[in-house]
Amino acid sequence: MAEKDLSQLSNKKLKKLIADTEEMLVLMKEELEARELRSQHEEVEHLEEHMDEAEHRLGNLKTFLTALFQEMKKR
């Protein structure tokens, strides 16, 4: 709505528009919070998978380092 349009509104209509806008802002904030909370829950649900993958990679690293050190000792 253009500034000119706002200047043409009665005080009553302008107050109604402000109230509607504030209500919509509250609803949008609630939606954003709900989305962020869902996202956090999804990450927590996948945390075990992430930990399993990290353990697997750490195991691979340990195997590699053990082999490397054994090879270095031979020389």
PDB file of N, CA and C in Angstrom:
ATOM      1  N   MET A   1       0.853  -1.176   0.000  1.00  0.00           N
ATOM      2  CA  MET A   1       0.000   0.000   0.000  1.00  0.00           C
ATOM      3  C   MET A   1       0.896   1.235   0.000  1.00  0.00           C
ATOM      4  N   ALA A   2       0.646   2.147  -0.897  1.00  0.00           N
ATOM      5  CA  ALA A   2       1.462   3.341  -1.032  1.00  0.00           C
ATOM      6  C   ALA A   2       1.180   4.318   0.101  1.00  0.00           C
ATOM      7  N   GLU A   3       2.144   5.212   0.325  1.00  0.00           N
ATOM      8  CA  GLU A   3       2.003   6.202   1.400  1.00  0.00           C
ATOM      9  C   GLU A   3       0.756   7.053   1.199  1.00  0.00           C
ATOM     10  N   LYS A   4       0.472   7.405  -0.058  1.00  0.00           N
ATOM     11  CA  LYS A   4      -0.730   8.191  -0.363  1.00  0.00           C
ATOM     12  C   LYS A   4      -1.982   7.451   0.086  1.00  0.00           C
ATOM     13  N   ASP A   5      -1.996   6.147  -0.182  1.00  0.00           N
ATOM     14  CA  ASP A   5      -3.161   5.345   0.191  1.00  0.00           C
ATOM     15  C   ASP A   5      -3.368   5.371   1.693  1.00  0.00           C
ATOM     16  N   LEU A   6      -2.266   5.300   2.457  1.00  0.00           N
ATOM     17  CA  LEU A   6      -2.378   5.314   3.914  1.00  0.00           C
ATOM     18  C   LEU A   6      -2.932   6.640   4.413  1.00  0.00           C
ATOM     19  N   SER A   7      -2.532   7.699   3.786  1.00  0.00           N
ATOM     20  CA  SER A   7      -3.001   9.016   4.242  1.00  0.00           C
ATOM     21  C   SER A   7      -4.495   9.192   4.005  1.00  0.00           C
ATOM     22  N   GLN A   8      -5.050   8.384   3.129  1.00  0.00           N
ATOM     23  CA  GLN A   8      -6.478   8.478   2.830  1.00  0.00           C
ATOM     24  C   GLN A   8      -7.333   7.647   3.785  1.00  0.00           C
ATOM     25  N   LEU A   9      -6.684   6.755   4.563  1.00  0.00           N
ATOM     26  CA  LEU A   9      -7.428   5.883   5.472  1.00  0.00           C
ATOM     27  C   LEU A   9      -7.898   6.651   6.704  1.00  0.00           C
ATOM     28  N   SER A  10      -9.046   6.245   7.192  1.00  0.00           N
ATOM     29  CA  SER A  10      -9.518   6.808   8.454  1.00  0.00           C
ATOM     30  C   SER A  10      -8.662   6.237   9.588  1.00  0.00           C
ATOM     31  N   ASN A  11      -8.687   6.894  10.723  1.00  0.00           N
ATOM     32  CA  ASN A  11      -7.936   6.394  11.880  1.00  0.00           C
ATOM     33  C   ASN A  11      -8.381   4.989  12.245  1.00  0.00           C
ATOM     34  N   LYS A  12      -9.667   4.734  12.162  1.00  0.00           N
ATOM     35  CA  LYS A  12     -10.203   3.420  12.504  1.00  0.00           C
ATOM     36  C   LYS A  12      -9.639   2.349  11.564  1.00  0.00           C
ATOM     37  N   LYS A  13      -9.642   2.630  10.269  1.00  0.00           N
ATOM     38  CA  LYS A  13      -9.128   1.662   9.305  1.00  0.00           C
ATOM     39  C   LYS A  13      -7.618   1.476   9.447  1.00  0.00           C
ATOM     40  N   LEU A  14      -6.916   2.566   9.736  1.00  0.00           N
ATOM     41  CA  LEU A  14      -5.475   2.476   9.923  1.00  0.00           C
ATOM     42  C   LEU A  14      -5.143   1.636  11.151  1.00  0.00           C
ATOM     43  N   LYS A  15      -5.888   1.828  12.238  1.00  0.00           N
ATOM     44  CA  LYS A  15      -5.682   1.014  13.440  1.00  0.00           C
ATOM     45  C   LYS A  15      -5.976  -0.452  13.157  1.00  0.00           C
ATOM     46  N   LYS A  16      -7.012  -0.719  12.363  1.00  0.00           N
ATOM     47  CA  LYS A  16      -7.352  -2.095  12.001  1.00  0.00           C
ATOM     48  C   LYS A  16      -6.229  -2.711  11.178  1.00  0.00           C
ATOM     49  N   LEU A  17      -5.697  -1.953  10.242  1.00  0.00           N
ATOM     50  CA  LEU A  17      -4.595  -2.429   9.416  1.00  0.00           C
ATOM     51  C   LEU A  17      -3.371  -2.730  10.272  1.00  0.00           C
ATOM     52  N   ILE A  18      -3.075  -1.878  11.217  1.00  0.00           N
ATOM     53  CA  ILE A  18      -1.948  -2.107  12.127  1.00  0.00           C
ATOM     54  C   ILE A  18      -2.177  -3.372  12.952  1.00  0.00           C
ATOM     55  N   ALA A  19      -3.379  -3.529  13.484  1.00  0.00           N
ATOM     56  CA  ALA A  19      -3.697  -4.710  14.293  1.00  0.00           C
ATOM     57  C   ALA A  19      -3.574  -5.987  13.459  1.00  0.00           C
ATOM     58  N   ASP A  20      -4.088  -5.948  12.240  1.00  0.00           N
ATOM     59  CA  ASP A  20      -3.995  -7.115  11.352  1.00  0.00           C
ATOM     60  C   ASP A  20      -2.535  -7.438  11.035  1.00  0.00           C
ATOM     61  N   THR A  21      -1.754  -6.409  10.792  1.00  0.00           N
ATOM     62  CA  THR A  21      -0.340  -6.594  10.476  1.00  0.00           C
ATOM     63  C   THR A  21       0.410  -7.186  11.664  1.00  0.00           C
ATOM     64  N   GLU A  22       0.130  -6.676  12.856  1.00  0.00           N
ATOM     65  CA  GLU A  22       0.779  -7.211  14.060  1.00  0.00           C
ATOM     66  C   GLU A  22       0.389  -8.662  14.299  1.00  0.00           C
ATOM     67  N   GLU A  23      -0.878  -8.978  14.058  1.00  0.00           N
ATOM     68  CA  GLU A  23      -1.342 -10.358  14.215  1.00  0.00           C
ATOM     69  C   GLU A  23      -0.630 -11.273  13.225  1.00  0.00           C
ATOM     70  N   MET A  24      -0.488 -10.827  11.988  1.00  0.00           N
ATOM     71  CA  MET A  24       0.197 -11.614  10.969  1.00  0.00           C
ATOM     72  C   MET A  24       1.661 -11.794  11.347  1.00  0.00           C
ATOM     73  N   LEU A  25       2.278 -10.763  11.897  1.00  0.00           N
ATOM     74  CA  LEU A  25       3.673 -10.851  12.317  1.00  0.00           C
ATOM     75  C   LEU A  25       3.836 -11.893  13.419  1.00  0.00           C
ATOM     76  N   VAL A  26       2.923 -11.927  14.352  1.00  0.00           N
ATOM     77  CA  VAL A  26       2.968 -12.936  15.409  1.00  0.00           C
ATOM     78  C   VAL A  26       2.854 -14.333  14.812  1.00  0.00           C
ATOM     79  N   LEU A  27       1.931 -14.515  13.880  1.00  0.00           N
ATOM     80  CA  LEU A  27       1.754 -15.818  13.232  1.00  0.00           C
ATOM     81  C   LEU A  27       3.006 -16.237  12.458  1.00  0.00           C
ATOM     82  N   MET A  28       3.627 -15.286  11.768  1.00  0.00           N
ATOM     83  CA  MET A  28       4.837 -15.602  11.010  1.00  0.00           C
ATOM     84  C   MET A  28       5.983 -15.977  11.947  1.00  0.00           C
ATOM     85  N   LYS A  29       6.104 -15.286  13.074  1.00  0.00           N
ATOM     86  CA  LYS A  29       7.157 -15.615  14.047  1.00  0.00           C
ATOM     87  C   LYS A  29       6.930 -17.009  14.641  1.00  0.00           C
ATOM     88  N   GLU A  30       5.667 -17.326  14.932  1.00  0.00           N
ATOM     89  CA  GLU A  30       5.352 -18.652  15.456  1.00  0.00           C
ATOM     90  C   GLU A  30       5.696 -19.733  14.437  1.00  0.00           C
ATOM     91  N   GLU A  31       5.391 -19.490  13.173  1.00  0.00           N
ATOM     92  CA  GLU A  31       5.706 -20.445  12.116  1.00  0.00           C
ATOM     93  C   GLU A  31       7.216 -20.637  11.999  1.00  0.00           C
ATOM     94  N   LEU A  32       7.956 -19.553  12.049  1.00  0.00           N
ATOM     95  CA  LEU A  32       9.411 -19.632  11.962  1.00  0.00           C
ATOM     96  C   LEU A  32       9.979 -20.431  13.136  1.00  0.00           C
ATOM     97  N   GLU A  33       9.487 -20.166  14.336  1.00  0.00           N
ATOM     98  CA  GLU A  33       9.951 -20.913  15.515  1.00  0.00           C
ATOM     99  C   GLU A  33       9.638 -22.400  15.378  1.00  0.00           C
ATOM    100  N   ALA A  34       8.437 -22.714  14.885  1.00  0.00           N
ATOM    101  CA  ALA A  34       8.053 -24.116  14.709  1.00  0.00           C
ATOM    102  C   ALA A  34       8.954 -24.799  13.685  1.00  0.00           C
ATOM    103  N   ARG A  35       9.283 -24.109  12.597  1.00  0.00           N
ATOM    104  CA  ARG A  35      10.170 -24.673  11.577  1.00  0.00           C
ATOM    105  C   ARG A  35      11.560 -24.922  12.149  1.00  0.00           C
ATOM    106  N   GLU A  36      12.068 -23.948  12.896  1.00  0.00           N
ATOM    107  CA  GLU A  36      13.402 -24.097  13.475  1.00  0.00           C
ATOM    108  C   GLU A  36      13.433 -25.253  14.474  1.00  0.00           C
ATOM    109  N   LEU A  37      12.373 -25.402  15.251  1.00  0.00           N
ATOM    110  CA  LEU A  37      12.296 -26.499  16.215  1.00  0.00           C
ATOM    111  C   LEU A  37      12.243 -27.841  15.500  1.00  0.00           C
ATOM    112  N   ARG A  38      11.451 -27.928  14.418  1.00  0.00           N
ATOM    113  CA  ARG A  38      11.406 -29.171  13.637  1.00  0.00           C
ATOM    114  C   ARG A  38      12.775 -29.499  13.068  1.00  0.00           C
ATOM    115  N   SER A  39      13.453 -28.492  12.585  1.00  0.00           N
ATOM    116  CA  SER A  39      14.783 -28.695  12.018  1.00  0.00           C
ATOM    117  C   SER A  39      15.745 -29.227  13.074  1.00  0.00           C
ATOM    118  N   GLN A  40      15.682 -28.674  14.277  1.00  0.00           N
ATOM    119  CA  GLN A  40      16.536 -29.149  15.369  1.00  0.00           C
ATOM    120  C   GLN A  40      16.217 -30.593  15.723  1.00  0.00           C
ATOM    121  N   HIS A  41      14.940 -30.925  15.765  1.00  0.00           N
ATOM    122  CA  HIS A  41      14.544 -32.302  16.081  1.00  0.00           C
ATOM    123  C   HIS A  41      15.048 -33.271  15.010  1.00  0.00           C
ATOM    124  N   GLU A  42      14.972 -32.852  13.756  1.00  0.00           N
ATOM    125  CA  GLU A  42      15.460 -33.711  12.673  1.00  0.00           C
ATOM    126  C   GLU A  42      16.960 -33.942  12.803  1.00  0.00           C
ATOM    127  N   GLU A  43      17.701 -32.914  13.159  1.00  0.00           N
ATOM    128  CA  GLU A  43      19.147 -33.061  13.332  1.00  0.00           C
ATOM    129  C   GLU A  43      19.461 -34.001  14.494  1.00  0.00           C
ATOM    130  N   VAL A  44      18.716 -33.882  15.566  1.00  0.00           N
ATOM    131  CA  VAL A  44      18.929 -34.758  16.721  1.00  0.00           C
ATOM    132  C   VAL A  44      18.623 -36.202  16.335  1.00  0.00           C
ATOM    133  N   GLU A  45      17.558 -36.394  15.547  1.00  0.00           N
ATOM    134  CA  GLU A  45      17.205 -37.743  15.112  1.00  0.00           C
ATOM    135  C   GLU A  45      18.314 -38.362  14.261  1.00  0.00           C
ATOM    136  N   HIS A  46      19.041 -37.542  13.530  1.00  0.00           N
ATOM    137  CA  HIS A  46      20.117 -38.042  12.675  1.00  0.00           C
ATOM    138  C   HIS A  46      21.475 -38.035  13.371  1.00  0.00           C
ATOM    139  N   LEU A  47      21.496 -37.599  14.621  1.00  0.00           N
ATOM    140  CA  LEU A  47      22.762 -37.500  15.339  1.00  0.00           C
ATOM    141  C   LEU A  47      23.446 -38.855  15.457  1.00  0.00           C
ATOM    142  N   GLU A  48      22.676 -39.898  15.724  1.00  0.00           N
ATOM    143  CA  GLU A  48      23.269 -41.229  15.858  1.00  0.00           C
ATOM    144  C   GLU A  48      23.939 -41.658  14.556  1.00  0.00           C
ATOM    145  N   GLU A  49      23.298 -41.353  13.437  1.00  0.00           N
ATOM    146  CA  GLU A  49      23.895 -41.681  12.137  1.00  0.00           C
ATOM    147  C   GLU A  49      25.204 -40.917  11.944  1.00  0.00           C
ATOM    148  N   HIS A  50      25.200 -39.645  12.320  1.00  0.00           N
ATOM    149  CA  HIS A  50      26.419 -38.841  12.202  1.00  0.00           C
ATOM    150  C   HIS A  50      27.535 -39.402  13.082  1.00  0.00           C
ATOM    151  N   MET A  51      27.173 -39.821  14.277  1.00  0.00           N
ATOM    152  CA  MET A  51      28.165 -40.375  15.198  1.00  0.00           C
ATOM    153  C   MET A  51      28.714 -41.696  14.665  1.00  0.00           C
ATOM    154  N   ASP A  52      27.855 -42.535  14.116  1.00  0.00           N
ATOM    155  CA  ASP A  52      28.304 -43.804  13.533  1.00  0.00           C
ATOM    156  C   ASP A  52      29.295 -43.543  12.397  1.00  0.00           C
ATOM    157  N   GLU A  53      28.975 -42.573  11.559  1.00  0.00           N
ATOM    158  CA  GLU A  53      29.859 -42.233  10.446  1.00  0.00           C
ATOM    159  C   GLU A  53      31.202 -41.710  10.963  1.00  0.00           C
ATOM    160  N   ALA A  54      31.168 -40.884  11.996  1.00  0.00           N
ATOM    161  CA  ALA A  54      32.404 -40.348  12.573  1.00  0.00           C
ATOM    162  C   ALA A  54      33.247 -41.476  13.175  1.00  0.00           C
ATOM    163  N   GLU A  55      32.599 -42.407  13.867  1.00  0.00           N
ATOM    164  CA  GLU A  55      33.321 -43.546  14.438  1.00  0.00           C
ATOM    165  C   GLU A  55      33.957 -44.385  13.336  1.00  0.00           C
ATOM    166  N   HIS A  56      33.241 -44.590  12.258  1.00  0.00           N
ATOM    167  CA  HIS A  56      33.759 -45.372  11.132  1.00  0.00           C
ATOM    168  C   HIS A  56      34.995 -44.689  10.534  1.00  0.00           C
ATOM    169  N   ARG A  57      34.898 -43.379  10.348  1.00  0.00           N
ATOM    170  CA  ARG A  57      36.026 -42.642   9.783  1.00  0.00           C
ATOM    171  C   ARG A  57      37.217 -42.642  10.734  1.00  0.00           C
ATOM    172  N   LEU A  58      36.936 -42.527  12.016  1.00  0.00           N
ATOM    173  CA  LEU A  58      38.014 -42.567  13.004  1.00  0.00           C
ATOM    174  C   LEU A  58      38.686 -43.935  12.984  1.00  0.00           C
ATOM    175  N   GLY A  59      37.896 -44.984  12.844  1.00  0.00           N
ATOM    176  CA  GLY A  59      38.446 -46.337  12.742  1.00  0.00           C
ATOM    177  C   GLY A  59      39.356 -46.471  11.533  1.00  0.00           C
ATOM    178  N   ASN A  60      38.917 -45.907  10.412  1.00  0.00           N
ATOM    179  CA  ASN A  60      39.751 -45.934   9.205  1.00  0.00           C
ATOM    180  C   ASN A  60      41.053 -45.174   9.422  1.00  0.00           C
ATOM    181  N   LEU A  61      40.979 -44.053  10.086  1.00  0.00           N
ATOM    182  CA  LEU A  61      42.173 -43.262  10.356  1.00  0.00           C
ATOM    183  C   LEU A  61      43.134 -44.032  11.263  1.00  0.00           C
ATOM    184  N   LYS A  62      42.579 -44.664  12.294  1.00  0.00           N
ATOM    185  CA  LYS A  62      43.422 -45.447  13.205  1.00  0.00           C
ATOM    186  C   LYS A  62      44.108 -46.593  12.457  1.00  0.00           C
ATOM    187  N   THR A  63      43.368 -47.264  11.591  1.00  0.00           N
ATOM    188  CA  THR A  63      43.935 -48.364  10.803  1.00  0.00           C
ATOM    189  C   THR A  63      45.069 -47.841   9.922  1.00  0.00           C
ATOM    190  N   PHE A  64      44.838 -46.729   9.274  1.00  0.00           N
ATOM    191  CA  PHE A  64      45.855 -46.141   8.411  1.00  0.00           C
ATOM    192  C   PHE A  64      47.098 -45.750   9.210  1.00  0.00           C
ATOM    193  N   LEU A  65      46.889 -45.066  10.342  1.00  0.00           N
ATOM    194  CA  LEU A  65      48.037 -44.629  11.148  1.00  0.00           C
ATOM    195  C   LEU A  65      48.821 -45.817  11.703  1.00  0.00           C
ATOM    196  N   THR A  66      48.110 -46.853  12.122  1.00  0.00           N
ATOM    197  CA  THR A  66      48.787 -48.053  12.624  1.00  0.00           C
ATOM    198  C   THR A  66      49.655 -48.656  11.526  1.00  0.00           C
ATOM    199  N   ALA A  67      49.122 -48.782  10.345  1.00  0.00           N
ATOM    200  CA  ALA A  67      49.868 -49.342   9.220  1.00  0.00           C
ATOM    201  C   ALA A  67      51.050 -48.450   8.890  1.00  0.00           C
ATOM    202  N   LEU A  68      50.827 -47.150   8.930  1.00  0.00           N
ATOM    203  CA  LEU A  68      51.901 -46.203   8.626  1.00  0.00           C
ATOM    204  C   LEU A  68      53.055 -46.332   9.641  1.00  0.00           C
ATOM    205  N   PHE A  69      52.711 -46.363  10.928  1.00  0.00           N
ATOM    206  CA  PHE A  69      53.742 -46.479  11.953  1.00  0.00           C
ATOM    207  C   PHE A  69      54.488 -47.823  11.857  1.00  0.00           C
ATOM    208  N   GLN A  70      53.773 -48.884  11.566  1.00  0.00           N
ATOM    209  CA  GLN A  70      54.421 -50.191  11.399  1.00  0.00           C
ATOM    210  C   GLN A  70      55.393 -50.143  10.219  1.00  0.00           C
ATOM    211  N   GLU A  71      54.996 -49.505   9.162  1.00  0.00           N
ATOM    212  CA  GLU A  71      55.855 -49.400   7.988  1.00  0.00           C
ATOM    213  C   GLU A  71      57.093 -48.546   8.290  1.00  0.00           C
ATOM    214  N   MET A  72      56.887 -47.503   9.083  1.00  0.00           N
ATOM    215  CA  MET A  72      58.019 -46.634   9.438  1.00  0.00           C
ATOM    216  C   MET A  72      59.006 -47.376  10.335  1.00  0.00           C
ATOM    217  N   LYS A  73      58.524 -48.231  11.226  1.00  0.00           N
ATOM    218  CA  LYS A  73      59.383 -48.991  12.120  1.00  0.00           C
ATOM    219  C   LYS A  73      60.253 -49.975  11.340  1.00  0.00           C
ATOM    220  N   LYS A  74      59.739 -50.483  10.243  1.00  0.00           N
ATOM    221  CA  LYS A  74      60.470 -51.455   9.434  1.00  0.00           C
ATOM    222  C   LYS A  74      61.682 -50.797   8.768  1.00  0.00           C
ATOM    223  N   ARG A  75      61.659 -49.550   8.574  1.00  0.00           N
ATOM    224  CA  ARG A  75      62.723 -48.858   7.849  1.00  0.00           C
ATOM    225  C   ARG A  75      63.804 -48.437   8.752  1.00  0.00           C
TER     226      ARG A  75
END
